Protein backbone atom coordinates (compact mmCIF):
# COMPACT_ATOMS: atom_id res chain seq x y z
CA MET A 1 1.70 -6.22 10.11
CA GLN A 2 -1.57 -5.78 8.28
CA ASN A 3 -4.40 -6.69 10.50
CA SER A 4 -8.22 -7.21 9.74
CA THR A 5 -10.48 -4.88 11.82
CA SER A 6 -14.17 -4.69 12.56
CA PHE A 7 -15.65 -1.14 11.97
CA LYS A 8 -19.11 0.33 12.23
CA ILE A 9 -21.28 2.04 9.69
CA ASN A 10 -24.63 3.26 11.18
CA LYS A 11 -25.74 5.85 8.87
CA PRO A 12 -24.80 7.25 5.22
CA GLU A 13 -22.67 9.96 6.66
CA ASP A 14 -20.33 7.30 8.39
CA ILE A 15 -18.96 6.14 4.82
CA ALA A 16 -17.83 9.88 4.05
CA ALA A 17 -16.31 9.96 7.53
CA ILE A 18 -14.42 6.86 7.35
CA ARG A 19 -13.21 7.90 3.84
CA GLU A 20 -11.68 10.66 5.10
CA ILE A 21 -9.87 9.02 7.93
CA MET A 22 -8.68 6.28 5.73
CA SER A 23 -7.52 8.71 2.90
CA LYS A 24 -5.38 10.50 5.51
CA ARG A 25 -3.71 7.21 6.63
CA MET A 26 -3.08 6.33 2.98
CA GLU A 27 -1.70 9.54 2.03
CA ILE A 28 1.81 8.41 2.47
CA ARG A 29 1.03 6.33 -0.86
CA ASN A 30 -0.48 9.07 -2.75
CA LYS A 31 2.58 10.79 -4.28
CA LYS A 32 5.85 8.98 -5.09
CA THR A 33 7.90 12.15 -4.28
CA SER A 34 6.40 12.51 -0.87
CA LYS A 35 9.01 11.59 1.98
CA THR A 36 6.73 11.75 5.26
CA ALA A 37 3.27 10.78 6.29
CA PRO A 38 1.10 13.74 6.95
CA ASP A 39 0.66 13.14 10.72
CA ILE A 40 3.18 10.34 11.69
CA LYS A 41 6.87 10.48 10.92
CA GLY A 42 9.33 7.69 10.31
CA VAL A 43 6.66 5.18 9.08
CA PHE A 44 6.65 2.88 5.98
CA ASP A 45 3.98 1.16 4.01
CA LEU A 46 5.46 -1.90 2.19
CA MET A 47 3.11 -2.95 -0.65
CA LEU A 48 3.80 -6.52 -1.46
CA CYS A 49 2.14 -8.22 -4.33
CA MET A 50 0.21 -11.37 -3.52
CA GLY A 51 -1.08 -12.13 -7.03
CA THR A 52 -1.07 -15.72 -8.21
CA SER A 53 2.09 -15.23 -10.25
CA CYS A 54 4.04 -13.53 -7.40
CA ILE A 55 3.10 -16.30 -5.03
CA SER A 56 4.19 -18.99 -7.31
CA SER A 57 7.48 -16.87 -7.59
CA GLY A 58 8.04 -16.95 -3.80
CA ALA A 59 6.13 -14.06 -2.42
CA LYS A 60 5.11 -15.95 0.61
CA GLU A 61 8.64 -17.10 1.30
CA PHE A 62 9.90 -13.62 0.88
CA LEU A 63 7.00 -12.27 3.49
CA ALA A 64 8.29 -14.69 5.92
CA GLU A 65 11.85 -13.39 5.86
CA LEU A 66 10.56 -9.87 5.65
CA LYS A 67 8.76 -10.29 9.04
CA VAL A 68 12.06 -11.73 10.62
CA ALA A 69 14.03 -8.72 9.30
CA ILE A 70 11.43 -6.23 10.47
CA ASN A 71 11.66 -7.76 14.07
CA LYS A 72 15.34 -8.08 14.00
CA TYR A 73 15.82 -4.14 13.47
CA ASN A 74 13.08 -3.45 15.90
CA LEU A 75 10.68 -1.76 13.39
CA ASP A 76 7.59 -3.83 14.54
CA GLU A 77 6.63 -1.25 17.20
CA LYS A 78 3.19 0.54 17.42
CA VAL A 79 2.94 4.32 16.84
CA LYS A 80 0.10 6.49 17.68
CA ILE A 81 -2.19 7.71 14.88
CA ILE A 82 -3.68 11.31 15.12
CA CYS A 83 -7.26 10.36 14.58
CA SER A 84 -10.27 11.91 16.64
CA ASP A 85 -12.89 9.87 15.10
CA CYS A 86 -11.17 6.47 15.10
CA SER A 87 -12.81 5.12 18.15
CA GLU A 88 -16.30 6.21 16.97
CA PHE A 89 -16.10 3.70 14.10
CA SER A 90 -13.96 0.91 15.95
CA LEU A 91 -11.01 1.88 13.83
CA PRO A 92 -7.55 1.20 15.47
CA GLU A 93 -5.81 4.20 16.81
CA HIS A 94 -2.34 2.64 16.52
CA ARG A 95 -0.32 1.22 13.49
CA ASP A 96 2.73 -0.64 13.08
CA LYS A 97 5.99 1.54 12.36
CA VAL A 98 6.41 -0.70 9.25
CA GLU A 99 3.20 -2.26 7.83
CA VAL A 100 3.30 -4.95 5.29
CA LEU A 101 0.21 -4.89 3.08
CA GLU A 102 -0.71 -7.50 0.62
CA THR A 103 -1.95 -6.34 -2.77
CA GLY A 104 -3.44 -7.88 -5.70
CA CYS A 105 -1.79 -8.25 -9.02
CA ASN A 106 0.41 -5.21 -10.27
CA GLY A 107 0.32 -6.26 -13.80
CA PHE A 108 4.24 -7.08 -14.00
CA CYS A 109 4.09 -10.82 -13.47
CA ALA A 110 7.32 -11.42 -15.38
CA SER A 111 9.29 -9.66 -12.52
CA GLY A 112 7.52 -11.01 -9.47
CA PRO A 113 7.73 -11.15 -6.48
CA ILE A 114 7.41 -7.45 -6.52
CA MET A 115 7.17 -4.87 -3.69
CA ALA A 116 6.53 -1.01 -3.54
CA VAL A 117 8.07 0.87 -0.52
CA TYR A 118 6.35 3.97 0.58
CA PRO A 119 6.89 6.87 1.22
CA GLY A 120 8.52 7.41 -2.28
CA GLY A 121 6.99 4.38 -4.10
CA TYR A 122 10.25 2.63 -4.75
CA PHE A 123 9.70 -0.48 -6.71
CA TYR A 124 11.64 -3.72 -6.20
CA GLN A 125 11.44 -6.67 -8.35
CA LYS A 126 12.41 -10.50 -8.60
CA LEU A 127 12.65 -10.60 -4.84
CA ARG A 128 14.25 -13.54 -3.03
CA PRO A 129 13.93 -14.38 0.68
CA GLU A 130 17.58 -13.14 1.23
CA ASP A 131 16.64 -9.78 -0.11
CA ALA A 132 14.22 -8.99 2.66
CA GLU A 133 16.94 -7.95 5.02
CA THR A 134 18.94 -6.07 2.32
CA ILE A 135 15.70 -3.88 1.78
CA VAL A 136 14.98 -3.52 5.58
CA LYS A 137 18.64 -2.67 6.64
CA GLY A 138 19.46 -0.46 3.56
CA HIS A 139 16.09 1.24 2.63
CA LEU A 140 14.13 1.36 6.02
CA VAL A 141 17.13 1.70 8.60
CA ASP A 142 19.81 3.45 6.50
CA GLY A 143 17.54 5.36 4.33
CA LYS A 144 19.33 4.15 1.34
CA PRO A 145 16.96 2.42 -1.61
CA VAL A 146 18.62 -0.61 -3.01
CA GLU A 147 19.27 0.07 -6.70
CA SER A 148 20.42 -3.64 -7.27
CA LEU A 149 17.07 -4.93 -6.73
CA MET A 150 15.36 -2.33 -9.00
CA TYR A 151 14.22 -2.58 -12.59
CA LYS A 152 17.09 -1.63 -14.90
CA ASP A 153 16.59 0.34 -18.07
CA VAL A 154 17.46 -1.98 -21.03
CA LYS A 155 19.25 0.66 -22.88
CA ASN A 156 21.73 1.95 -20.36
CA GLY A 157 21.46 -0.47 -17.32
CA ASN A 158 20.56 2.41 -14.93
CA ALA A 159 18.18 1.66 -12.06
CA MET A 160 14.67 2.76 -12.44
CA PRO A 161 13.10 3.49 -9.01
CA TYR A 162 9.42 3.69 -9.75
CA LEU A 163 7.04 1.47 -11.64
CA SER A 164 5.74 4.53 -13.47
CA ASP A 165 9.28 5.16 -14.98
CA ILE A 166 9.26 1.73 -16.61
CA PRO A 167 8.39 2.18 -20.37
CA PHE A 168 5.87 -0.46 -20.45
CA PHE A 169 3.72 1.44 -17.67
CA ALA A 170 4.83 5.10 -18.29
CA LYS A 171 2.22 5.54 -21.06
CA GLN A 172 -0.64 3.69 -19.39
CA ASP A 173 -3.52 5.81 -18.03
CA LEU A 174 -5.38 3.67 -15.58
CA LEU A 175 -8.98 4.05 -14.94
CA VAL A 176 -10.52 1.00 -13.38
CA LEU A 177 -7.23 -0.37 -12.24
CA ARG A 178 -6.09 2.89 -10.98
CA ASN A 179 -5.53 1.66 -7.29
CA LYS A 180 -3.85 -1.50 -8.34
CA GLY A 181 -0.70 -2.03 -5.91
CA LEU A 182 -1.78 0.90 -3.84
CA ILE A 183 -4.32 -0.63 -1.37
CA ALA A 184 -4.57 -3.90 0.69
CA ALA A 185 -6.69 -6.18 -1.55
CA GLU A 186 -8.76 -7.48 1.27
CA SER A 187 -9.18 -4.46 3.25
CA ILE A 188 -12.79 -2.96 2.92
CA GLU A 189 -11.53 0.15 4.94
CA GLU A 190 -8.94 0.98 2.27
CA TYR A 191 -11.33 0.57 -0.44
CA ILE A 192 -13.72 3.13 1.16
CA GLY A 193 -10.61 5.33 1.62
CA THR A 194 -10.23 5.56 -2.18
CA GLY A 195 -13.94 6.33 -2.63
CA GLY A 196 -15.20 2.84 -2.58
CA PHE A 197 -19.09 2.60 -1.92
CA SER A 198 -19.50 6.38 -2.19
CA ALA A 199 -21.66 6.09 -5.47
CA LEU A 200 -23.64 3.31 -3.70
CA SER A 201 -24.28 5.51 -0.94
CA LYS A 202 -25.58 8.34 -2.92
CA ALA A 203 -27.70 6.21 -5.00
CA LEU A 204 -29.35 4.68 -1.83
CA ASN A 205 -29.72 7.86 0.08
CA GLN A 206 -29.71 10.68 -2.04
CA MET A 207 -31.28 9.95 -5.41
CA THR A 208 -34.84 9.35 -6.52
CA THR A 209 -35.98 6.43 -8.47
CA ASP A 210 -36.19 8.48 -11.68
CA GLU A 211 -32.62 9.72 -11.13
CA LEU A 212 -31.23 6.29 -10.74
CA ILE A 213 -33.04 5.31 -14.16
């Protein structure tokens, strides 16, 4: 499960190094068509929305059952991460085979609780506690995404596996919110992994006063 960690930044170059480490860990979420993580096989990131609306719709109750199902099917074991610099920055060298990460609002409150499963980016909506085992057994264990829990095309009733396929989102070009639903909302490490603090580091360490103005 998602854990908070304490990591070290001693010099400006450390931010770039941590960004490289974290971006590799998060690569499993970068492309919806990717089927494996770059360095570790058979792992999953479950991005569960914990925005206000999803919580009020039952996200916490779903999360509780999700943890039970992950344990039931022995998917809570640790796996080694290939990371030569992890120890230098006090970053963990292991991760859970299945990690559940709590995200902020995805912008689809009417369909909450919602969760995306990576690799692949499969999008599940209107989740109930009893759906947790269905997803774990069907998608994670058997490798069969659960179409009954996906958004349905209003015209033909076909399942739409990805959030980006849904008409409301398909035409959106996200800038400020480009990482919504893709990072753990309270993880500074993951924020750095997406480029966070890079501009601040450059401004403080590489730019003159005139350049800043």
